[in-house]
């Protein structure tokens, strides 16, 4: 956050403290997401933790934190930041993010161990992590690529094709083709 942004935030805090608190929470989450994938610390913790708990969610110890250490409890709570950081990397690199019913999940690998990490949303939501066989049919994202923010080889080609599609859509709009007609045709292709 730059100096001017911080000054404006402090002025906002004086006028609307609840809004300021929300903004601070968002900034904290964003920083946490950058930090948690910047090195292998969290991944090494996850490797160790899942050797004891190969499948867990952030609600498993919701009412009984005594079964795990305070550090483990905090790290379990941080899984949501880890998930969002990996999901952002997957979006930028056109890597699969799987959706099934109320689940959104992805697969990562580290030290030849696979992990399925996701969010289940319904009346409530929870984040989960399962160790997963890396020889399965799913695409696993290498954590080292995430940590190094490595651009995947196919990104430039996909961006070029998407730019071409955007150009065609712009031409269609200029010709007077209704947006709804274009949208329906695209949705038909996506089915």
Protein backbone atom coordinates (compact mmCIF):
# COMPACT_ATOMS: atom_id res chain seq x y z
CA UNK A 1 0.00 0.00 0.00
CA UNK A 2 1.46 3.37 -0.95
CA UNK A 3 1.55 6.44 1.29
CA UNK A 4 -1.38 8.26 -0.39
CA UNK A 5 -3.58 5.17 -0.17
CA UNK A 6 -2.79 4.78 3.49
CA UNK A 7 -3.60 8.44 4.22
CA UNK A 8 -6.94 8.12 2.41
CA UNK A 9 -7.69 4.93 4.35
CA UNK A 10 -6.97 6.64 7.66
CA UNK A 11 -9.26 9.52 6.69
CA UNK A 12 -11.96 6.98 5.79
CA UNK A 13 -11.42 5.22 9.12
CA UNK A 14 -12.26 8.42 10.95
CA UNK A 15 -15.52 8.77 9.00
CA UNK A 16 -16.49 5.08 8.81
CA UNK A 17 -14.57 2.70 11.10
CA UNK A 18 -16.50 -0.41 9.98
CA UNK A 19 -15.64 0.21 6.31
CA UNK A 20 -12.00 0.75 7.26
CA UNK A 21 -11.97 -2.57 9.14
CA UNK A 22 -13.33 -4.40 6.07
CA UNK A 23 -10.69 -2.81 3.84
CA UNK A 24 -7.91 -3.67 6.30
CA UNK A 25 -9.15 -7.28 6.39
CA UNK A 26 -9.02 -7.45 2.60
CA UNK A 27 -5.50 -5.99 2.51
CA UNK A 28 -4.41 -8.48 5.16
CA UNK A 29 -5.88 -11.39 3.18
CA UNK A 30 -4.15 -10.22 0.01
CA UNK A 31 -0.79 -9.93 1.79
CA UNK A 32 -1.29 -13.33 3.40
CA UNK A 33 -1.99 -14.90 0.00
CA UNK A 34 1.24 -13.45 -1.41
CA UNK A 35 3.28 -14.53 1.59
CA UNK A 36 1.92 -18.06 1.96
CA UNK A 37 3.08 -19.08 -1.53
CA UNK A 38 6.33 -17.12 -1.53
CA UNK A 39 8.31 -19.97 0.02
CA UNK A 40 7.94 -23.64 0.98
CA UNK A 41 7.18 -23.09 4.69
CA UNK A 42 3.43 -23.66 4.42
CA UNK A 43 3.86 -26.49 1.92
CA UNK A 44 6.31 -28.28 4.22
CA UNK A 45 3.88 -27.86 7.11
CA UNK A 46 1.08 -29.28 4.93
CA UNK A 47 3.25 -32.25 3.95
CA UNK A 48 3.96 -33.00 7.60
CA UNK A 49 0.40 -32.34 8.81
CA UNK A 50 -1.22 -34.52 6.14
CA UNK A 51 1.06 -37.40 7.06
CA UNK A 52 -1.04 -37.54 10.26
CA UNK A 53 -4.29 -36.10 8.89
CA UNK A 54 -4.43 -37.07 5.18
CA UNK A 55 -7.92 -35.59 4.84
CA UNK A 56 -9.10 -32.59 6.84
CA UNK A 57 -11.19 -29.45 6.70
CA UNK A 58 -11.05 -26.21 8.61
CA UNK A 59 -14.16 -27.30 10.54
CA UNK A 60 -12.69 -30.56 11.89
CA UNK A 61 -11.36 -28.85 15.02
CA UNK A 62 -13.85 -26.01 15.16
CA UNK A 63 -15.12 -26.93 18.63
CA UNK A 64 -12.15 -28.93 19.84
CA UNK A 65 -8.86 -27.15 19.14
CA UNK A 66 -7.19 -29.15 21.91
CA UNK A 67 -6.58 -32.09 19.56
CA UNK A 68 -4.03 -30.11 17.53
CA UNK A 69 -1.39 -27.56 18.46
CA UNK A 70 -2.04 -23.83 18.34
CA UNK A 71 0.39 -23.52 15.41
CA UNK A 72 -1.40 -26.31 13.51
CA UNK A 73 -4.74 -24.67 14.25
CA UNK A 74 -3.52 -21.36 12.81
CA UNK A 75 -2.10 -23.11 9.74
CA UNK A 76 -5.39 -24.96 9.17
CA UNK A 77 -7.14 -21.58 9.31
CA UNK A 78 -4.64 -20.26 6.74
CA UNK A 79 -5.63 -22.96 4.23
CA UNK A 80 -8.23 -20.59 2.76
CA UNK A 81 -5.50 -18.05 1.90
CA UNK A 82 -3.39 -20.83 0.41
CA UNK A 83 -6.32 -21.99 -1.72
CA UNK A 84 -7.09 -18.49 -3.00
CA UNK A 85 -3.43 -17.86 -3.88
CA UNK A 86 -3.20 -21.12 -5.83
CA UNK A 87 -6.54 -20.45 -7.54
CA UNK A 88 -5.29 -17.02 -8.65
CA UNK A 89 -2.17 -18.64 -10.10
CA UNK A 90 -4.32 -21.23 -11.89
CA UNK A 91 -6.53 -18.49 -13.40
CA UNK A 92 -3.52 -16.51 -14.65
CA UNK A 93 -2.03 -19.63 -16.23
CA UNK A 94 -5.21 -21.19 -17.64
CA UNK A 95 -4.85 -24.26 -15.44
CA UNK A 96 -7.85 -26.34 -14.40
CA UNK A 97 -10.00 -25.33 -11.49
CA UNK A 98 -12.55 -28.08 -10.99
CA UNK A 99 -16.20 -27.51 -10.11
CA UNK A 100 -18.57 -30.22 -8.95
CA UNK A 101 -21.93 -29.57 -7.32
CA UNK A 102 -21.02 -27.12 -4.55
CA UNK A 103 -17.27 -27.83 -4.59
CA UNK A 104 -14.51 -25.79 -6.20
CA UNK A 105 -11.11 -27.46 -6.00
CA UNK A 106 -7.74 -27.86 -7.61
CA UNK A 107 -4.78 -30.19 -7.40
CA UNK A 108 -1.21 -29.36 -6.51
CA UNK A 109 1.90 -31.45 -6.09
CA UNK A 110 5.00 -31.03 -3.99
CA UNK A 111 7.77 -33.56 -3.21
CA UNK A 112 5.87 -36.19 -5.25
CA UNK A 113 2.79 -35.85 -3.04
CA UNK A 114 -0.52 -34.74 -4.50
CA UNK A 115 -3.11 -32.62 -2.74
CA UNK A 116 -6.71 -31.80 -3.55
CA UNK A 117 -7.57 -28.44 -1.98
CA UNK A 118 -10.94 -26.82 -2.28
CA UNK A 119 -13.97 -25.08 -0.90
CA UNK A 120 -17.35 -26.69 -0.31
CA UNK A 121 -20.18 -24.16 -0.21
CA UNK A 122 -23.77 -24.80 0.74
CA UNK A 123 -25.64 -23.36 3.69
CA UNK A 124 -22.20 -22.76 5.10
CA UNK A 125 -18.78 -23.25 3.61
CA UNK A 126 -15.56 -24.94 4.56
CA UNK A 127 -12.12 -25.41 3.09
CA UNK A 128 -10.67 -28.90 2.76
CA UNK A 129 -7.45 -30.68 1.87
CA UNK A 130 -6.96 -34.33 0.92
CA UNK A 131 -3.78 -36.11 -0.03
CA UNK A 132 -4.33 -37.42 -3.53
CA UNK A 133 -2.60 -39.89 -5.84
CA UNK A 134 -0.59 -37.87 -8.40
CA UNK A 135 -1.01 -40.63 -10.97
CA UNK A 136 -4.73 -39.85 -11.26
CA UNK A 137 -6.36 -38.26 -14.30
CA UNK A 138 -6.33 -34.77 -12.78
CA UNK A 139 -3.89 -32.01 -13.70
CA UNK A 140 -1.62 -31.24 -10.76
CA UNK A 141 -0.03 -27.82 -10.46
CA UNK A 142 3.58 -28.00 -9.31
CA UNK A 143 3.92 -25.91 -6.15
CA UNK A 144 7.43 -24.86 -7.22
CA UNK A 145 5.86 -23.24 -10.31
CA UNK A 146 3.40 -21.42 -8.07
CA UNK A 147 6.11 -20.28 -5.66
CA UNK A 148 8.28 -19.01 -8.53
CA UNK A 149 5.24 -17.54 -10.32
CA UNK A 150 6.33 -19.42 -13.42
CA UNK A 151 4.28 -18.56 -16.48
CA UNK A 152 3.13 -21.79 -18.10
CA UNK A 153 4.24 -22.38 -21.70
CA UNK A 154 0.73 -22.26 -23.14
CA UNK A 155 -0.25 -18.87 -21.65
CA UNK A 156 0.92 -16.63 -24.52
CA UNK A 157 -0.76 -18.84 -27.13
CA UNK A 158 -4.06 -18.87 -25.20
CA UNK A 159 -3.94 -15.12 -24.64
CA UNK A 160 -3.36 -14.62 -28.37
CA UNK A 161 -6.37 -16.78 -29.23
CA UNK A 162 -8.52 -15.00 -26.64
CA UNK A 163 -7.46 -11.65 -28.12
CA UNK A 164 -8.58 -12.94 -31.53
CA UNK A 165 -11.95 -14.00 -30.12
CA UNK A 166 -12.32 -10.60 -28.43
CA UNK A 167 -11.61 -8.91 -31.76
CA UNK A 168 -14.27 -11.00 -33.49
CA UNK A 169 -16.80 -10.17 -30.77
CA UNK A 170 -15.98 -6.46 -31.12
CA UNK A 171 -16.54 -6.72 -34.91
CA UNK A 172 -19.88 -8.48 -34.39
CA UNK A 173 -21.01 -5.78 -31.97
CA UNK A 174 -19.98 -3.08 -34.46
CA UNK A 175 -22.07 -4.89 -37.11
CA UNK A 176 -25.06 -4.60 -34.79
CA UNK A 177 -25.31 -8.21 -33.66
CA UNK A 178 -27.09 -8.16 -30.28
CA UNK A 179 -24.98 -9.05 -27.23
CA UNK A 180 -27.52 -11.67 -26.22
CA UNK A 181 -27.14 -13.48 -29.57
CA UNK A 182 -23.37 -13.55 -29.20
CA UNK A 183 -23.65 -14.68 -25.58
CA UNK A 184 -26.04 -17.54 -26.47
CA UNK A 185 -23.76 -18.73 -29.28
CA UNK A 186 -20.74 -18.72 -26.96
CA UNK A 187 -22.65 -20.50 -24.20
CA UNK A 188 -23.77 -23.15 -26.73
CA UNK A 189 -20.12 -23.80 -27.63
CA UNK A 190 -19.15 -24.09 -23.97
CA UNK A 191 -21.68 -26.88 -23.27
